[in-house]
Amino acid sequence: MARGASARRYAQAVFAIALEQGEPDRWLDDLALLSDAMVNEEFANFLDAPQLTLSQKTDMIKESLGDSIGPLALNLISLLASRNSARLLPSITESYQQMLDEHNGIERAEVVSAVALSDEQQGRIETMLKGIVGKDITSTSRIDPQILGGFVARVGDKVIDGSTRTRLDELRRELVQGA
């Protein structure tokens, strides 16, 4: 089974449990904490080591994470560790976030600009994108000097390209075709 499909299935199961318990945000916090823990290469290697017993892994998890996550999240990481699949946690978290956003009617957007955007500019872009897609928008921004000016926004499968680089490329094509 592909790792992405496997992570999505775990995320679907976790999402169903979270909705049943009425704690989808708590689960997101727990999954984010678990994903952050997997950044520690030593910890990740320990959890995915096939030569270690489940009780050794579980003891390490409890010692490392303690009461910072809920008991069911602790069960999830123990289950993944027992299957030497703890490295799936970042993918599970990402899939879970997508499901939660869809459930809440939120669309994620990435806004790329040549320079850092002010909060006001970011807000105006989010408002414009909300009008285009018809859903609430949560955006992240990234800087790419290659676009020269303006911005490029990606929302789902839509791309809104208002970059200076694209406008200059279009102008160059028009000039070459006209010559």
Protein backbone atom coordinates (compact mmCIF):
# COMPACT_ATOMS: atom_id res chain seq x y z
CA MET A 1 0.00 0.00 0.00
CA ALA A 2 1.37 3.43 -0.90
CA ARG A 3 2.49 5.59 2.00
CA GLY A 4 0.23 8.49 0.98
CA ALA A 5 -2.83 6.26 0.77
CA SER A 6 -1.95 4.68 4.10
CA ALA A 7 -1.53 8.08 5.76
CA ARG A 8 -4.86 9.21 4.34
CA ARG A 9 -6.62 6.14 5.75
CA TYR A 10 -5.19 6.77 9.20
CA ALA A 11 -6.24 10.42 8.90
CA GLN A 12 -9.77 9.39 7.93
CA ALA A 13 -10.03 7.10 10.95
CA VAL A 14 -8.69 9.81 13.27
CA PHE A 15 -11.05 12.37 11.74
CA ALA A 16 -14.06 10.10 12.32
CA ILE A 17 -13.03 9.63 15.95
CA ALA A 18 -12.42 13.36 16.39
CA LEU A 19 -15.88 14.24 15.05
CA GLU A 20 -17.49 11.54 17.18
CA GLN A 21 -15.78 12.97 20.29
CA GLY A 22 -16.49 16.56 19.22
CA GLU A 23 -12.80 17.44 19.52
CA PRO A 24 -11.46 17.99 15.99
CA ASP A 25 -9.26 20.94 17.03
CA ARG A 26 -7.78 19.03 19.97
CA TRP A 27 -6.85 16.19 17.61
CA LEU A 28 -5.22 18.67 15.23
CA ASP A 29 -3.11 20.00 18.11
CA ASP A 30 -2.12 16.47 19.13
CA LEU A 31 -1.23 15.48 15.57
CA ALA A 32 0.81 18.65 15.10
CA LEU A 33 2.73 17.90 18.29
CA LEU A 34 3.37 14.32 17.15
CA SER A 35 4.53 15.53 13.73
CA ASP A 36 6.88 18.01 15.37
CA ALA A 37 8.31 15.19 17.49
CA MET A 38 9.10 13.25 14.32
CA VAL A 39 11.47 16.03 13.24
CA ASN A 40 13.88 14.63 15.83
CA GLU A 41 15.64 12.02 13.70
CA GLU A 42 16.80 10.02 16.71
CA PHE A 43 13.24 9.76 18.06
CA ALA A 44 11.86 8.82 14.62
CA ASN A 45 14.53 6.14 14.12
CA PHE A 46 13.78 4.74 17.58
CA LEU A 47 10.05 4.45 16.86
CA ASP A 48 10.60 2.79 13.50
CA ALA A 49 13.32 0.39 14.70
CA PRO A 50 12.08 -3.17 14.03
CA GLN A 51 14.48 -4.71 16.57
CA LEU A 52 12.82 -2.93 19.52
CA THR A 53 9.77 -4.25 21.31
CA LEU A 54 6.50 -2.39 21.43
CA SER A 55 6.83 -1.94 25.20
CA GLN A 56 10.23 -0.26 24.76
CA LYS A 57 8.75 2.07 22.15
CA THR A 58 5.65 2.78 24.25
CA ASP A 59 7.78 3.56 27.32
CA MET A 60 9.86 6.02 25.25
CA ILE A 61 6.72 7.66 23.84
CA LYS A 62 5.19 8.10 27.31
CA GLU A 63 8.49 9.41 28.69
CA SER A 64 8.96 11.85 25.80
CA LEU A 65 5.41 13.09 25.32
CA GLY A 66 3.88 12.45 28.73
CA ASP A 67 0.56 14.19 29.26
CA SER A 68 1.05 16.64 26.39
CA ILE A 69 -1.24 14.59 24.10
CA GLY A 70 -4.52 12.81 24.65
CA PRO A 71 -4.73 9.07 25.36
CA LEU A 72 -6.11 8.24 21.91
CA ALA A 73 -3.31 10.17 20.20
CA LEU A 74 -0.90 8.22 22.39
CA ASN A 75 -2.59 5.02 21.14
CA LEU A 76 -2.19 6.22 17.54
CA ILE A 77 1.54 6.81 17.81
CA SER A 78 1.95 3.50 19.64
CA LEU A 79 0.06 1.72 16.86
CA LEU A 80 2.21 3.38 14.21
CA ALA A 81 5.37 2.52 16.17
CA SER A 82 4.25 -1.12 16.42
CA ARG A 83 4.01 -1.17 12.62
CA ASN A 84 7.29 0.74 12.17
CA SER A 85 5.27 3.48 10.44
CA ALA A 86 5.67 6.43 12.80
CA ARG A 87 7.19 8.46 9.97
CA LEU A 88 3.69 8.67 8.48
CA LEU A 89 2.67 11.19 11.16
CA PRO A 90 3.46 14.37 9.14
CA SER A 91 1.45 13.00 6.18
CA ILE A 92 -1.38 11.95 8.48
CA THR A 93 -1.42 15.44 10.00
CA GLU A 94 -1.50 17.07 6.57
CA SER A 95 -4.39 14.85 5.40
CA TYR A 96 -6.25 15.47 8.65
CA GLN A 97 -5.81 19.24 8.25
CA GLN A 98 -7.27 19.05 4.74
CA MET A 99 -10.28 17.07 6.00
CA LEU A 100 -10.86 19.49 8.86
CA ASP A 101 -10.63 22.49 6.52
CA GLU A 102 -13.11 20.89 4.12
CA HIS A 103 -15.43 20.09 7.02
CA ASN A 104 -15.25 23.73 8.19
CA GLY A 105 -15.67 25.16 4.65
CA ILE A 106 -12.15 26.59 4.58
CA GLU A 107 -9.89 26.61 1.56
CA ARG A 108 -6.13 26.93 1.93
CA ALA A 109 -4.23 29.29 -0.32
CA GLU A 110 -0.57 29.95 -0.92
CA VAL A 111 0.32 33.50 -1.90
CA VAL A 112 3.72 34.07 -3.47
CA SER A 113 5.03 37.61 -3.75
CA ALA A 114 8.32 39.29 -4.60
CA VAL A 115 8.46 41.05 -1.22
CA ALA A 116 6.84 40.46 2.17
CA LEU A 117 3.17 41.45 2.26
CA SER A 118 1.69 43.59 4.98
CA ASP A 119 -1.22 42.22 7.00
CA GLU A 120 -3.53 44.62 5.15
CA GLN A 121 -2.33 43.40 1.74
CA GLN A 122 -2.64 39.77 2.83
CA GLY A 123 -6.19 40.48 4.06
CA ARG A 124 -7.19 42.12 0.76
CA ILE A 125 -5.84 39.17 -1.19
CA GLU A 126 -7.72 36.73 1.07
CA THR A 127 -10.94 38.73 0.55
CA MET A 128 -10.44 38.68 -3.23
CA LEU A 129 -9.74 34.92 -3.19
CA LYS A 130 -12.81 34.31 -1.01
CA GLY A 131 -14.91 36.03 -3.68
CA ILE A 132 -13.40 33.84 -6.39
CA VAL A 133 -13.73 30.45 -4.69
CA GLY A 134 -16.78 31.17 -2.53
CA LYS A 135 -15.23 29.77 0.66
CA ASP A 136 -13.37 31.18 3.62
CA ILE A 137 -9.66 31.39 2.94
CA THR A 138 -6.67 30.72 5.15
CA SER A 139 -3.47 31.70 3.42
CA THR A 140 0.22 31.24 3.83
CA SER A 141 2.69 33.49 2.12
CA ARG A 142 6.05 32.88 0.56
CA ILE A 143 8.57 35.24 -0.98
CA ASP A 144 10.00 34.59 -4.45
CA PRO A 145 11.95 37.51 -5.97
CA GLN A 146 11.72 35.79 -9.39
CA ILE A 147 8.15 37.06 -9.88
CA LEU A 148 9.48 40.68 -9.74
CA GLY A 149 6.24 42.21 -8.39
CA GLY A 150 2.57 41.49 -7.82
CA PHE A 151 1.59 38.04 -6.55
CA VAL A 152 0.67 34.51 -7.57
CA ALA A 153 -2.02 32.77 -5.53
CA ARG A 154 -2.79 29.05 -5.57
CA VAL A 155 -6.11 27.90 -4.18
CA GLY A 156 -6.83 24.23 -4.74
CA ASP A 157 -6.48 23.72 -8.48
CA LYS A 158 -6.85 27.42 -9.29
CA VAL A 159 -3.91 29.74 -9.94
CA ILE A 160 -4.37 33.50 -9.98
CA ASP A 161 -1.26 35.00 -11.54
CA GLY A 162 -0.95 38.75 -11.10
CA SER A 163 2.83 38.78 -11.20
CA THR A 164 4.88 41.36 -13.02
CA ARG A 165 7.01 38.60 -14.52
CA THR A 166 3.97 37.02 -16.22
CA ARG A 167 2.76 40.38 -17.50
CA LEU A 168 6.21 41.11 -18.97
CA ASP A 169 6.31 37.66 -20.58
CA GLU A 170 2.87 38.26 -22.12
CA LEU A 171 3.95 41.67 -23.40
CA ARG A 172 7.11 40.15 -24.91
CA ARG A 173 5.02 37.46 -26.70
CA GLU A 174 2.66 40.12 -28.09
CA LEU A 175 5.60 42.18 -29.33
CA VAL A 176 7.25 39.16 -30.98
CA GLN A 177 3.99 38.05 -32.63
CA GLY A 178 3.32 41.58 -33.86
CA ALA A 179 6.81 42.00 -35.33
